PDB file of N, CA and C in Angstrom:
ATOM      1  N   MET A   1       4.148 -36.414 -10.036  1.00  0.00           N
ATOM      2  CA  MET A   1       4.290 -35.375  -9.579  1.00  0.00           C
ATOM      3  C   MET A   1       5.591 -34.574  -9.824  1.00  0.00           C
ATOM      4  N   ALA A   2       6.517 -33.622 -10.282  1.00  0.00           N
ATOM      5  CA  ALA A   2       7.453 -33.475 -10.641  1.00  0.00           C
ATOM      6  C   ALA A   2       8.420 -33.224  -9.453  1.00  0.00           C
ATOM      7  N   ASP A   3       9.526 -33.335  -9.385  1.00  0.00           N
ATOM      8  CA  ASP A   3      10.582 -33.202  -8.367  1.00  0.00           C
ATOM      9  C   ASP A   3      10.452 -31.907  -8.041  1.00  0.00           C
ATOM     10  N   ALA A   4      10.434 -30.696  -8.851  1.00  0.00           N
ATOM     11  CA  ALA A   4      10.573 -29.258  -8.273  1.00  0.00           C
ATOM     12  C   ALA A   4       9.207 -29.341  -7.195  1.00  0.00           C
ATOM     13  N   THR A   5       8.038 -29.820  -7.732  1.00  0.00           N
ATOM     14  CA  THR A   5       6.893 -29.459  -6.898  1.00  0.00           C
ATOM     15  C   THR A   5       6.870 -30.260  -5.496  1.00  0.00           C
ATOM     16  N   VAL A   6       7.809 -31.425  -5.253  1.00  0.00           N
ATOM     17  CA  VAL A   6       7.957 -31.999  -4.102  1.00  0.00           C
ATOM     18  C   VAL A   6       8.596 -31.110  -3.015  1.00  0.00           C
ATOM     19  N   SER A   7       9.493 -30.748  -3.463  1.00  0.00           N
ATOM     20  CA  SER A   7      10.377 -29.777  -2.457  1.00  0.00           C
ATOM     21  C   SER A   7      10.030 -28.318  -2.385  1.00  0.00           C
ATOM     22  N   CYS A   8       9.125 -27.497  -3.646  1.00  0.00           N
ATOM     23  CA  CYS A   8       8.997 -26.263  -3.487  1.00  0.00           C
ATOM     24  C   CYS A   8       7.892 -25.654  -2.367  1.00  0.00           C
ATOM     25  N   LEU A   9       8.436 -25.006  -1.836  1.00  0.00           N
ATOM     26  CA  LEU A   9       8.128 -24.494  -0.489  1.00  0.00           C
ATOM     27  C   LEU A   9       6.710 -23.746  -0.993  1.00  0.00           C
ATOM     28  N   PHE A  10       6.228 -23.429  -1.813  1.00  0.00           N
ATOM     29  CA  PHE A  10       4.937 -22.628  -2.359  1.00  0.00           C
ATOM     30  C   PHE A  10       4.020 -23.508  -2.544  1.00  0.00           C
ATOM     31  N   CYS A  11       4.341 -25.140  -3.375  1.00  0.00           N
ATOM     32  CA  CYS A  11       3.801 -26.318  -3.527  1.00  0.00           C
ATOM     33  C   CYS A  11       3.405 -26.658  -2.303  1.00  0.00           C
ATOM     34  N   ARG A  12       4.200 -26.622  -1.332  1.00  0.00           N
ATOM     35  CA  ARG A  12       4.224 -27.703  -0.197  1.00  0.00           C
ATOM     36  C   ARG A  12       2.961 -26.646   0.609  1.00  0.00           C
ATOM     37  N   ILE A  13       3.022 -25.472   0.519  1.00  0.00           N
ATOM     38  CA  ILE A  13       2.143 -24.803   1.241  1.00  0.00           C
ATOM     39  C   ILE A  13       0.540 -25.043   0.962  1.00  0.00           C
ATOM     40  N   ILE A  14       0.482 -24.829  -0.679  1.00  0.00           N
ATOM     41  CA  ILE A  14      -0.594 -24.953  -1.248  1.00  0.00           C
ATOM     42  C   ILE A  14      -1.262 -26.433  -0.915  1.00  0.00           C
ATOM     43  N   ARG A  15      -0.541 -27.563  -0.734  1.00  0.00           N
ATOM     44  CA  ARG A  15      -0.823 -28.790  -0.696  1.00  0.00           C
ATOM     45  C   ARG A  15      -0.967 -28.953   1.089  1.00  0.00           C
ATOM     46  N   GLY A  16      -0.944 -27.734   1.944  1.00  0.00           N
ATOM     47  CA  GLY A  16      -1.136 -28.029   3.071  1.00  0.00           C
ATOM     48  C   GLY A  16      -0.131 -28.394   4.183  1.00  0.00           C
ATOM     49  N   GLU A  17       1.315 -28.841   3.573  1.00  0.00           N
ATOM     50  CA  GLU A  17       2.281 -29.413   4.219  1.00  0.00           C
ATOM     51  C   GLU A  17       3.012 -28.609   4.958  1.00  0.00           C
ATOM     52  N   VAL A  18       2.782 -26.995   4.854  1.00  0.00           N
ATOM     53  CA  VAL A  18       3.691 -25.908   5.463  1.00  0.00           C
ATOM     54  C   VAL A  18       2.337 -25.099   6.206  1.00  0.00           C
ATOM     55  N   PRO A  19       2.310 -24.821   7.190  1.00  0.00           N
ATOM     56  CA  PRO A  19       1.332 -23.640   7.660  1.00  0.00           C
ATOM     57  C   PRO A  19       1.611 -22.443   6.811  1.00  0.00           C
ATOM     58  N   ALA A  20       0.439 -21.924   6.696  1.00  0.00           N
ATOM     59  CA  ALA A  20       0.557 -20.226   6.151  1.00  0.00           C
ATOM     60  C   ALA A  20      -1.212 -19.692   6.439  1.00  0.00           C
ATOM     61  N   ARG A  21      -0.943 -18.449   6.493  1.00  0.00           N
ATOM     62  CA  ARG A  21      -2.196 -17.784   6.938  1.00  0.00           C
ATOM     63  C   ARG A  21      -2.919 -17.224   5.539  1.00  0.00           C
ATOM     64  N   LYS A  22      -3.491 -18.191   5.061  1.00  0.00           N
ATOM     65  CA  LYS A  22      -4.137 -18.227   4.130  1.00  0.00           C
ATOM     66  C   LYS A  22      -5.400 -17.218   3.836  1.00  0.00           C
ATOM     67  N   ILE A  23      -5.330 -16.408   2.676  1.00  0.00           N
ATOM     68  CA  ILE A  23      -6.283 -15.422   2.507  1.00  0.00           C
ATOM     69  C   ILE A  23      -7.271 -15.841   1.228  1.00  0.00           C
ATOM     70  N   ARG A  24      -7.155 -16.715   0.567  1.00  0.00           N
ATOM     71  CA  ARG A  24      -7.950 -16.829  -0.572  1.00  0.00           C
ATOM     72  C   ARG A  24      -7.594 -18.134  -1.068  1.00  0.00           C
ATOM     73  N   GLU A  25      -8.410 -18.960  -2.067  1.00  0.00           N
ATOM     74  CA  GLU A  25      -8.076 -20.039  -2.563  1.00  0.00           C
ATOM     75  C   GLU A  25      -9.033 -20.212  -3.449  1.00  0.00           C
ATOM     76  N   ASP A  26      -8.902 -20.692  -4.690  1.00  0.00           N
ATOM     77  CA  ASP A  26      -9.881 -21.106  -5.759  1.00  0.00           C
ATOM     78  C   ASP A  26      -9.022 -22.221  -6.664  1.00  0.00           C
ATOM     79  N   GLU A  27      -9.592 -22.733  -7.529  1.00  0.00           N
ATOM     80  CA  GLU A  27      -8.917 -23.752  -8.340  1.00  0.00           C
ATOM     81  C   GLU A  27      -7.867 -23.070  -8.952  1.00  0.00           C
ATOM     82  N   HIS A  28      -7.540 -21.771  -9.311  1.00  0.00           N
ATOM     83  CA  HIS A  28      -6.257 -21.819  -9.794  1.00  0.00           C
ATOM     84  C   HIS A  28      -5.112 -20.977  -9.057  1.00  0.00           C
ATOM     85  N   VAL A  29      -5.826 -20.313  -7.688  1.00  0.00           N
ATOM     86  CA  VAL A  29      -4.464 -19.733  -7.237  1.00  0.00           C
ATOM     87  C   VAL A  29      -5.011 -19.589  -5.780  1.00  0.00           C
ATOM     88  N   PHE A  30      -3.665 -19.575  -4.914  1.00  0.00           N
ATOM     89  CA  PHE A  30      -3.689 -19.603  -3.711  1.00  0.00           C
ATOM     90  C   PHE A  30      -3.013 -18.195  -3.081  1.00  0.00           C
ATOM     91  N   ALA A  31      -3.477 -17.560  -2.383  1.00  0.00           N
ATOM     92  CA  ALA A  31      -3.181 -16.286  -1.620  1.00  0.00           C
ATOM     93  C   ALA A  31      -2.893 -16.407  -0.213  1.00  0.00           C
ATOM     94  N   PHE A  32      -2.022 -15.917   0.568  1.00  0.00           N
ATOM     95  CA  PHE A  32      -1.416 -15.759   1.803  1.00  0.00           C
ATOM     96  C   PHE A  32      -0.411 -15.097   2.159  1.00  0.00           C
ATOM     97  N   GLU A  33      -0.479 -14.419   3.620  1.00  0.00           N
ATOM     98  CA  GLU A  33       0.178 -13.316   4.010  1.00  0.00           C
ATOM     99  C   GLU A  33       1.663 -13.679   3.931  1.00  0.00           C
ATOM    100  N   ASP A  34       2.483 -13.008   3.772  1.00  0.00           N
ATOM    101  CA  ASP A  34       4.088 -13.050   3.730  1.00  0.00           C
ATOM    102  C   ASP A  34       4.643 -13.135   4.912  1.00  0.00           C
ATOM    103  N   ILE A  35       5.702 -14.044   5.496  1.00  0.00           N
ATOM    104  CA  ILE A  35       5.923 -14.169   6.501  1.00  0.00           C
ATOM    105  C   ILE A  35       6.934 -13.273   7.163  1.00  0.00           C
ATOM    106  N   ASN A  36       7.699 -12.201   6.088  1.00  0.00           N
ATOM    107  CA  ASN A  36       8.316 -11.528   6.675  1.00  0.00           C
ATOM    108  C   ASN A  36       7.755  -9.965   5.507  1.00  0.00           C
ATOM    109  N   PRO A  37       6.676  -9.560   5.868  1.00  0.00           N
ATOM    110  CA  PRO A  37       5.700  -8.258   5.407  1.00  0.00           C
ATOM    111  C   PRO A  37       6.789  -7.224   5.010  1.00  0.00           C
ATOM    112  N   GLN A  38       6.505  -6.397   4.208  1.00  0.00           N
ATOM    113  CA  GLN A  38       7.446  -5.061   4.019  1.00  0.00           C
ATOM    114  C   GLN A  38       6.654  -4.027   3.818  1.00  0.00           C
ATOM    115  N   ALA A  39       5.295  -4.436   4.014  1.00  0.00           N
ATOM    116  CA  ALA A  39       4.183  -3.232   4.321  1.00  0.00           C
ATOM    117  C   ALA A  39       3.306  -3.834   4.989  1.00  0.00           C
ATOM    118  N   PRO A  40       2.033  -3.091   5.596  1.00  0.00           N
ATOM    119  CA  PRO A  40       0.848  -3.456   6.439  1.00  0.00           C
ATOM    120  C   PRO A  40       0.171  -4.405   5.713  1.00  0.00           C
ATOM    121  N   THR A  41      -0.077  -4.669   4.210  1.00  0.00           N
ATOM    122  CA  THR A  41      -0.398  -5.400   3.296  1.00  0.00           C
ATOM    123  C   THR A  41       0.749  -6.148   2.513  1.00  0.00           C
ATOM    124  N   HIS A  42       1.171  -7.091   2.908  1.00  0.00           N
ATOM    125  CA  HIS A  42       1.653  -8.020   2.173  1.00  0.00           C
ATOM    126  C   HIS A  42       1.335  -9.104   1.655  1.00  0.00           C
ATOM    127  N   VAL A  43       0.827  -9.727   0.810  1.00  0.00           N
ATOM    128  CA  VAL A  43       0.323 -10.794   0.053  1.00  0.00           C
ATOM    129  C   VAL A  43       0.986 -11.371  -0.765  1.00  0.00           C
ATOM    130  N   LEU A  44       1.229 -12.821  -0.702  1.00  0.00           N
ATOM    131  CA  LEU A  44       1.844 -13.577  -1.981  1.00  0.00           C
ATOM    132  C   LEU A  44       0.514 -14.095  -2.562  1.00  0.00           C
ATOM    133  N   VAL A  45       0.454 -14.070  -4.073  1.00  0.00           N
ATOM    134  CA  VAL A  45      -0.676 -14.641  -4.767  1.00  0.00           C
ATOM    135  C   VAL A  45       0.255 -15.772  -5.500  1.00  0.00           C
ATOM    136  N   VAL A  46      -0.005 -16.778  -5.636  1.00  0.00           N
ATOM    137  CA  VAL A  46       0.508 -17.934  -6.288  1.00  0.00           C
ATOM    138  C   VAL A  46      -0.480 -18.757  -7.312  1.00  0.00           C
ATOM    139  N   PRO A  47       0.042 -19.180  -8.529  1.00  0.00           N
ATOM    140  CA  PRO A  47      -1.056 -19.987  -8.999  1.00  0.00           C
ATOM    141  C   PRO A  47      -0.741 -21.414  -8.619  1.00  0.00           C
ATOM    142  N   LYS A  48      -1.658 -22.186  -8.700  1.00  0.00           N
ATOM    143  CA  LYS A  48      -1.501 -23.848  -8.116  1.00  0.00           C
ATOM    144  C   LYS A  48      -0.713 -24.316  -8.970  1.00  0.00           C
ATOM    145  N   LYS A  49      -0.715 -24.186 -10.159  1.00  0.00           N
ATOM    146  CA  LYS A  49       0.359 -24.690 -11.048  1.00  0.00           C
ATOM    147  C   LYS A  49       1.645 -24.270 -10.906  1.00  0.00           C
ATOM    148  N   HIS A  50       2.782 -25.263 -10.619  1.00  0.00           N
ATOM    149  CA  HIS A  50       4.302 -24.943 -10.676  1.00  0.00           C
ATOM    150  C   HIS A  50       4.545 -24.474 -11.744  1.00  0.00           C
ATOM    151  N   VAL A  51       5.089 -23.249 -11.807  1.00  0.00           N
ATOM    152  CA  VAL A  51       5.719 -22.358 -12.484  1.00  0.00           C
ATOM    153  C   VAL A  51       6.890 -21.757 -11.974  1.00  0.00           C
ATOM    154  N   ALA A  52       8.390 -22.147 -12.492  1.00  0.00           N
ATOM    155  CA  ALA A  52       9.468 -21.357 -11.667  1.00  0.00           C
ATOM    156  C   ALA A  52       9.382 -19.861 -11.586  1.00  0.00           C
ATOM    157  N   GLY A  53       9.096 -19.427 -12.653  1.00  0.00           N
ATOM    158  CA  GLY A  53       8.963 -17.829 -12.494  1.00  0.00           C
ATOM    159  C   GLY A  53       8.742 -17.682 -13.635  1.00  0.00           C
ATOM    160  N   LEU A  54       8.495 -16.049 -13.592  1.00  0.00           N
ATOM    161  CA  LEU A  54       8.162 -15.560 -15.174  1.00  0.00           C
ATOM    162  C   LEU A  54       8.932 -15.664 -16.356  1.00  0.00           C
ATOM    163  N   LYS A  55      10.284 -16.005 -16.234  1.00  0.00           N
ATOM    164  CA  LYS A  55      11.215 -16.159 -17.254  1.00  0.00           C
ATOM    165  C   LYS A  55      10.715 -17.670 -17.773  1.00  0.00           C
ATOM    166  N   GLU A  56      10.367 -18.560 -16.956  1.00  0.00           N
ATOM    167  CA  GLU A  56       9.943 -20.039 -17.524  1.00  0.00           C
ATOM    168  C   GLU A  56       8.662 -19.979 -17.863  1.00  0.00           C
ATOM    169  N   ALA A  57       7.774 -18.962 -17.871  1.00  0.00           N
ATOM    170  CA  ALA A  57       6.331 -19.195 -18.085  1.00  0.00           C
ATOM    171  C   ALA A  57       6.125 -19.473 -19.394  1.00  0.00           C
ATOM    172  N   GLN A  58       5.446 -19.911 -20.030  1.00  0.00           N
ATOM    173  CA  GLN A  58       5.112 -20.045 -21.566  1.00  0.00           C
ATOM    174  C   GLN A  58       3.674 -19.436 -21.758  1.00  0.00           C
ATOM    175  N   SER A  59       3.406 -19.466 -23.143  1.00  0.00           N
ATOM    176  CA  SER A  59       1.996 -18.710 -23.263  1.00  0.00           C
ATOM    177  C   SER A  59       0.909 -18.892 -22.743  1.00  0.00           C
ATOM    178  N   GLU A  60       1.041 -20.356 -22.770  1.00  0.00           N
ATOM    179  CA  GLU A  60      -0.287 -21.285 -22.185  1.00  0.00           C
ATOM    180  C   GLU A  60      -0.401 -20.589 -20.494  1.00  0.00           C
ATOM    181  N   ASP A  61       0.671 -20.083 -20.054  1.00  0.00           N
ATOM    182  CA  ASP A  61       0.506 -19.733 -18.521  1.00  0.00           C
ATOM    183  C   ASP A  61       0.034 -18.065 -18.579  1.00  0.00           C
ATOM    184  N   ALA A  62      -0.210 -17.800 -19.620  1.00  0.00           N
ATOM    185  CA  ALA A  62      -0.648 -16.008 -19.712  1.00  0.00           C
ATOM    186  C   ALA A  62      -1.936 -15.995 -18.988  1.00  0.00           C
ATOM    187  N   GLU A  63      -2.875 -16.748 -18.972  1.00  0.00           N
ATOM    188  CA  GLU A  63      -4.271 -16.616 -18.170  1.00  0.00           C
ATOM    189  C   GLU A  63      -3.979 -16.763 -16.944  1.00  0.00           C
ATOM    190  N   LEU A  64      -3.177 -17.574 -16.539  1.00  0.00           N
ATOM    191  CA  LEU A  64      -2.866 -18.132 -14.884  1.00  0.00           C
ATOM    192  C   LEU A  64      -1.906 -16.868 -14.156  1.00  0.00           C
ATOM    193  N   ILE A  65      -0.953 -16.111 -15.081  1.00  0.00           N
ATOM    194  CA  ILE A  65      -0.507 -14.912 -14.606  1.00  0.00           C
ATOM    195  C   ILE A  65      -1.705 -13.796 -14.343  1.00  0.00           C
ATOM    196  N   GLY A  66      -2.492 -13.750 -15.196  1.00  0.00           N
ATOM    197  CA  GLY A  66      -3.744 -12.822 -15.325  1.00  0.00           C
ATOM    198  C   GLY A  66      -4.079 -13.020 -14.055  1.00  0.00           C
ATOM    199  N   ARG A  67      -4.820 -14.355 -13.913  1.00  0.00           N
ATOM    200  CA  ARG A  67      -5.646 -14.709 -12.476  1.00  0.00           C
ATOM    201  C   ARG A  67      -5.107 -14.421 -11.294  1.00  0.00           C
ATOM    202  N   CYS A  68      -3.630 -14.367 -11.195  1.00  0.00           N
ATOM    203  CA  CYS A  68      -2.967 -14.067  -9.885  1.00  0.00           C
ATOM    204  C   CYS A  68      -2.667 -12.593  -9.638  1.00  0.00           C
ATOM    205  N   GLN A  69      -2.839 -11.602 -10.815  1.00  0.00           N
ATOM    206  CA  GLN A  69      -2.860 -10.188 -10.723  1.00  0.00           C
ATOM    207  C   GLN A  69      -4.521  -9.905 -10.395  1.00  0.00           C
ATOM    208  N   LEU A  70      -5.401 -10.398 -10.899  1.00  0.00           N
ATOM    209  CA  LEU A  70      -6.929 -10.236 -10.493  1.00  0.00           C
ATOM    210  C   LEU A  70      -7.104 -10.429  -9.315  1.00  0.00           C
ATOM    211  N   ALA A  71      -6.522 -11.590  -8.855  1.00  0.00           N
ATOM    212  CA  ALA A  71      -6.941 -12.107  -7.599  1.00  0.00           C
ATOM    213  C   ALA A  71      -6.391 -10.963  -6.532  1.00  0.00           C
ATOM    214  N   ALA A  72      -4.943 -10.304  -6.462  1.00  0.00           N
ATOM    215  CA  ALA A  72      -4.294  -9.247  -6.104  1.00  0.00           C
ATOM    216  C   ALA A  72      -5.229  -8.183  -5.886  1.00  0.00           C
ATOM    217  N   ALA A  73      -5.951  -7.879  -7.006  1.00  0.00           N
ATOM    218  CA  ALA A  73      -6.874  -6.668  -6.979  1.00  0.00           C
ATOM    219  C   ALA A  73      -7.908  -6.715  -6.138  1.00  0.00           C
ATOM    220  N   GLU A  74      -8.547  -7.991  -6.200  1.00  0.00           N
ATOM    221  CA  GLU A  74      -9.694  -8.314  -5.427  1.00  0.00           C
ATOM    222  C   GLU A  74      -9.102  -8.292  -3.921  1.00  0.00           C
ATOM    223  N   ILE A  75      -8.163  -8.544  -3.518  1.00  0.00           N
ATOM    224  CA  ILE A  75      -7.797  -8.511  -2.100  1.00  0.00           C
ATOM    225  C   ILE A  75      -7.332  -7.123  -1.652  1.00  0.00           C
ATOM    226  N   ALA A  76      -6.997  -6.161  -2.573  1.00  0.00           N
ATOM    227  CA  ALA A  76      -6.556  -4.766  -2.331  1.00  0.00           C
ATOM    228  C   ALA A  76      -7.844  -3.965  -2.253  1.00  0.00           C
ATOM    229  N   ARG A  77      -9.077  -4.298  -3.034  1.00  0.00           N
ATOM    230  CA  ARG A  77     -10.262  -3.876  -2.798  1.00  0.00           C
ATOM    231  C   ARG A  77     -10.716  -4.534  -1.495  1.00  0.00           C
ATOM    232  N   GLU A  78     -10.959  -5.854  -0.831  1.00  0.00           N
ATOM    233  CA  GLU A  78     -11.143  -6.127   0.094  1.00  0.00           C
ATOM    234  C   GLU A  78     -10.439  -5.242   1.603  1.00  0.00           C
ATOM    235  N   ARG A  79      -9.313  -5.230   1.287  1.00  0.00           N
ATOM    236  CA  ARG A  79      -8.475  -4.387   2.261  1.00  0.00           C
ATOM    237  C   ARG A  79      -8.512  -3.058   2.325  1.00  0.00           C
ATOM    238  N   LYS A  80      -9.213  -2.177   1.183  1.00  0.00           N
ATOM    239  CA  LYS A  80      -9.636  -0.785   1.027  1.00  0.00           C
ATOM    240  C   LYS A  80      -8.173  -0.138   0.948  1.00  0.00           C
ATOM    241  N   ILE A  81      -7.217  -0.779   0.139  1.00  0.00           N
ATOM    242  CA  ILE A  81      -6.148  -0.232  -0.348  1.00  0.00           C
ATOM    243  C   ILE A  81      -5.816   0.488  -1.745  1.00  0.00           C
ATOM    244  N   GLU A  82      -7.020   0.502  -2.368  1.00  0.00           N
ATOM    245  CA  GLU A  82      -6.822   0.882  -3.628  1.00  0.00           C
ATOM    246  C   GLU A  82      -6.569   2.081  -3.977  1.00  0.00           C
ATOM    247  N   HIS A  83      -6.204   3.147  -3.144  1.00  0.00           N
ATOM    248  CA  HIS A  83      -5.784   4.408  -3.504  1.00  0.00           C
ATOM    249  C   HIS A  83      -3.907   4.223  -3.742  1.00  0.00           C
ATOM    250  N   GLY A  84      -3.857   3.165  -3.218  1.00  0.00           N
ATOM    251  CA  GLY A  84      -2.251   2.909  -3.578  1.00  0.00           C
ATOM    252  C   GLY A  84      -1.707   1.489  -3.176  1.00  0.00           C
ATOM    253  N   TYR A  85      -1.542   0.454  -4.310  1.00  0.00           N
ATOM    254  CA  TYR A  85      -0.684  -0.772  -3.672  1.00  0.00           C
ATOM    255  C   TYR A  85       0.085  -0.987  -5.259  1.00  0.00           C
ATOM    256  N   ARG A  86       1.022  -1.916  -5.060  1.00  0.00           N
ATOM    257  CA  ARG A  86       1.754  -2.359  -5.946  1.00  0.00           C
ATOM    258  C   ARG A  86       1.777  -4.060  -6.068  1.00  0.00           C
ATOM    259  N   THR A  87       1.784  -4.343  -7.154  1.00  0.00           N
ATOM    260  CA  THR A  87       1.859  -5.853  -7.331  1.00  0.00           C
ATOM    261  C   THR A  87       3.419  -5.992  -7.964  1.00  0.00           C
ATOM    262  N   VAL A  88       4.106  -7.024  -7.694  1.00  0.00           N
ATOM    263  CA  VAL A  88       5.566  -7.037  -7.751  1.00  0.00           C
ATOM    264  C   VAL A  88       5.561  -8.994  -8.313  1.00  0.00           C
ATOM    265  N   LEU A  89       6.378  -8.866  -9.676  1.00  0.00           N
ATOM    266  CA  LEU A  89       7.214 -10.187  -9.545  1.00  0.00           C
ATOM    267  C   LEU A  89       8.290 -10.014  -9.896  1.00  0.00           C
ATOM    268  N   ASN A  90       9.101 -10.639  -8.925  1.00  0.00           N
ATOM    269  CA  ASN A  90      10.541 -10.575  -8.913  1.00  0.00           C
ATOM    270  C   ASN A  90      11.055 -11.644  -9.603  1.00  0.00           C
ATOM    271  N   VAL A  91      12.049 -11.713 -10.637  1.00  0.00           N
ATOM    272  CA  VAL A  91      12.259 -12.470 -11.386  1.00  0.00           C
ATOM    273  C   VAL A  91      13.747 -12.943 -11.319  1.00  0.00           C
ATOM    274  N   GLY A  92      14.078 -14.002 -10.696  1.00  0.00           N
ATOM    275  CA  GLY A  92      15.718 -14.502 -10.652  1.00  0.00           C
ATOM    276  C   GLY A  92      16.462 -13.936  -9.180  1.00  0.00           C
ATOM    277  N   PRO A  93      17.243 -14.383  -8.614  1.00  0.00           N
ATOM    278  CA  PRO A  93      17.808 -13.880  -7.469  1.00  0.00           C
ATOM    279  C   PRO A  93      18.141 -12.617  -7.461  1.00  0.00           C
ATOM    280  N   GLY A  94      18.515 -11.912  -8.859  1.00  0.00           N
ATOM    281  CA  GLY A  94      19.361 -10.707  -8.740  1.00  0.00           C
ATOM    282  C   GLY A  94      18.375  -9.609  -8.496  1.00  0.00           C
ATOM    283  N   ALA A  95      17.087 -10.062  -8.564  1.00  0.00           N
ATOM    284  CA  ALA A  95      15.817  -9.328  -8.317  1.00  0.00           C
ATOM    285  C   ALA A  95      15.008  -9.438  -6.705  1.00  0.00           C
ATOM    286  N   GLY A  96      15.632 -10.655  -6.239  1.00  0.00           N
ATOM    287  CA  GLY A  96      15.191 -10.944  -4.854  1.00  0.00           C
ATOM    288  C   GLY A  96      14.317 -12.074  -4.826  1.00  0.00           C
ATOM    289  N   GLN A  97      14.431 -13.039  -5.933  1.00  0.00           N
ATOM    290  CA  GLN A  97      13.328 -14.117  -6.050  1.00  0.00           C
ATOM    291  C   GLN A  97      14.157 -15.015  -5.071  1.00  0.00           C
ATOM    292  N   SER A  98      13.561 -15.677  -4.197  1.00  0.00           N
ATOM    293  CA  SER A  98      14.226 -16.552  -2.977  1.00  0.00           C
ATOM    294  C   SER A  98      13.339 -17.835  -3.299  1.00  0.00           C
ATOM    295  N   VAL A  99      12.372 -17.718  -3.401  1.00  0.00           N
ATOM    296  CA  VAL A  99      11.370 -19.161  -3.683  1.00  0.00           C
ATOM    297  C   VAL A  99      10.795 -18.931  -5.361  1.00  0.00           C
ATOM    298  N   PHE A 100      11.326 -20.128  -5.799  1.00  0.00           N
ATOM    299  CA  PHE A 100      11.205 -20.431  -7.474  1.00  0.00           C
ATOM    300  C   PHE A 100       9.859 -21.134  -7.999  1.00  0.00           C
ATOM    301  N   HIS A 101       8.894 -20.387  -7.582  1.00  0.00           N
ATOM    302  CA  HIS A 101       7.253 -20.560  -7.833  1.00  0.00           C
ATOM    303  C   HIS A 101       6.724 -19.294  -8.185  1.00  0.00           C
ATOM    304  N   LEU A 102       6.376 -18.972  -9.451  1.00  0.00           N
ATOM    305  CA  LEU A 102       6.212 -17.610  -9.700  1.00  0.00           C
ATOM    306  C   LEU A 102       5.068 -17.037  -8.668  1.00  0.00           C
ATOM    307  N   HIS A 103       5.275 -15.846  -8.274  1.00  0.00           N
ATOM    308  CA  HIS A 103       4.286 -15.768  -7.169  1.00  0.00           C
ATOM    309  C   HIS A 103       4.029 -14.177  -7.424  1.00  0.00           C
ATOM    310  N   VAL A 104       3.184 -13.384  -7.045  1.00  0.00           N
ATOM    311  CA  VAL A 104       2.881 -11.884  -7.536  1.00  0.00           C
ATOM    312  C   VAL A 104       2.967 -11.261  -5.850  1.00  0.00           C
ATOM    313  N   HIS A 105       3.805 -10.314  -5.393  1.00  0.00           N
ATOM    314  CA  HIS A 105       3.543  -9.912  -4.144  1.00  0.00           C
ATOM    315  C   HIS A 105       2.478  -8.774  -4.621  1.00  0.00           C
ATOM    316  N   LEU A 106       1.705  -8.424  -3.426  1.00  0.00           N
ATOM    317  CA  LEU A 106       0.687  -7.492  -3.624  1.00  0.00           C
ATOM    318  C   LEU A 106       1.050  -6.540  -2.269  1.00  0.00           C
ATOM    319  N   LEU A 107       1.610  -5.485  -2.060  1.00  0.00           N
ATOM    320  CA  LEU A 107       1.956  -4.538  -0.983  1.00  0.00           C
ATOM    321  C   LEU A 107       1.281  -3.560  -1.208  1.00  0.00           C
ATOM    322  N   GLY A 108       0.807  -2.792   0.070  1.00  0.00           N
ATOM    323  CA  GLY A 108      -0.064  -1.788   0.075  1.00  0.00           C
ATOM    324  C   GLY A 108      -0.105  -1.241   1.571  1.00  0.00           C
ATOM    325  N   GLY A 109      -0.863  -0.452   1.967  1.00  0.00           N
ATOM    326  CA  GLY A 109      -1.421   0.081   3.126  1.00  0.00           C
ATOM    327  C   GLY A 109      -0.111   1.109   3.730  1.00  0.00           C
ATOM    328  N   ARG A 110       0.787   1.539   3.169  1.00  0.00           N
ATOM    329  CA  ARG A 110       1.511   2.905   3.031  1.00  0.00           C
ATOM    330  C   ARG A 110       2.306   3.367   2.114  1.00  0.00           C
ATOM    331  N   HIS A 111       2.983   4.102   2.138  1.00  0.00           N
ATOM    332  CA  HIS A 111       3.372   5.049   0.972  1.00  0.00           C
ATOM    333  C   HIS A 111       4.603   4.271   0.351  1.00  0.00           C
ATOM    334  N   LEU A 112       4.365   3.704  -0.888  1.00  0.00           N
ATOM    335  CA  LEU A 112       5.169   3.168  -2.015  1.00  0.00           C
ATOM    336  C   LEU A 112       6.115   4.118  -2.409  1.00  0.00           C
ATOM    337  N   SER A 113       7.788   4.572  -2.253  1.00  0.00           N
ATOM    338  CA  SER A 113       8.280   5.239  -2.985  1.00  0.00           C
ATOM    339  C   SER A 113       8.732   4.806  -4.499  1.00  0.00           C
ATOM    340  N   TRP A 114       9.104   5.626  -5.318  1.00  0.00           N
ATOM    341  CA  TRP A 114       9.397   4.905  -6.681  1.00  0.00           C
ATOM    342  C   TRP A 114      10.876   5.435  -6.910  1.00  0.00           C
ATOM    343  N   PRO A 115      11.885   5.250  -7.457  1.00  0.00           N
ATOM    344  CA  PRO A 115      11.811   3.661  -7.851  1.00  0.00           C
ATOM    345  C   PRO A 115      11.982   2.680  -6.468  1.00  0.00           C
ATOM    346  N   PRO A 116      11.392   1.742  -6.795  1.00  0.00           N
ATOM    347  CA  PRO A 116      11.735   0.882  -5.583  1.00  0.00           C
ATOM    348  C   PRO A 116      12.940  -0.006  -5.458  1.00  0.00           C
ATOM    349  N   GLY A 117      13.296  -0.630  -4.523  1.00  0.00           N
ATOM    350  CA  GLY A 117      14.596  -1.124  -4.367  1.00  0.00           C
ATOM    351  C   GLY A 117      15.653  -0.170  -4.363  1.00  0.00           C
TER     352      GLY A 117
END
């Protein structure tokens, strides 16, 4: 196991070492409620493979990133927020990324203004 995965908060959540309100899990992704929700639905969808962020992703990670987005869409359907939701990938500290494990934020259940942030 690489050193980054030992201390990574999201890797620890995936391994069950840190509690989280799990929404779904399959062989590729793990989704759970954000502990500081910014909308009525605020779910984080993370790949089980540790990738620090989008800028560190490689071409072989493209399918995994797509699986995260599709999992977010499925959760949005289940929660009946298809009339409007947002998926967000924050890249780097300047964009608000605070956990350096690639993750998709699924936000919905309220009006989302544009531009964000």
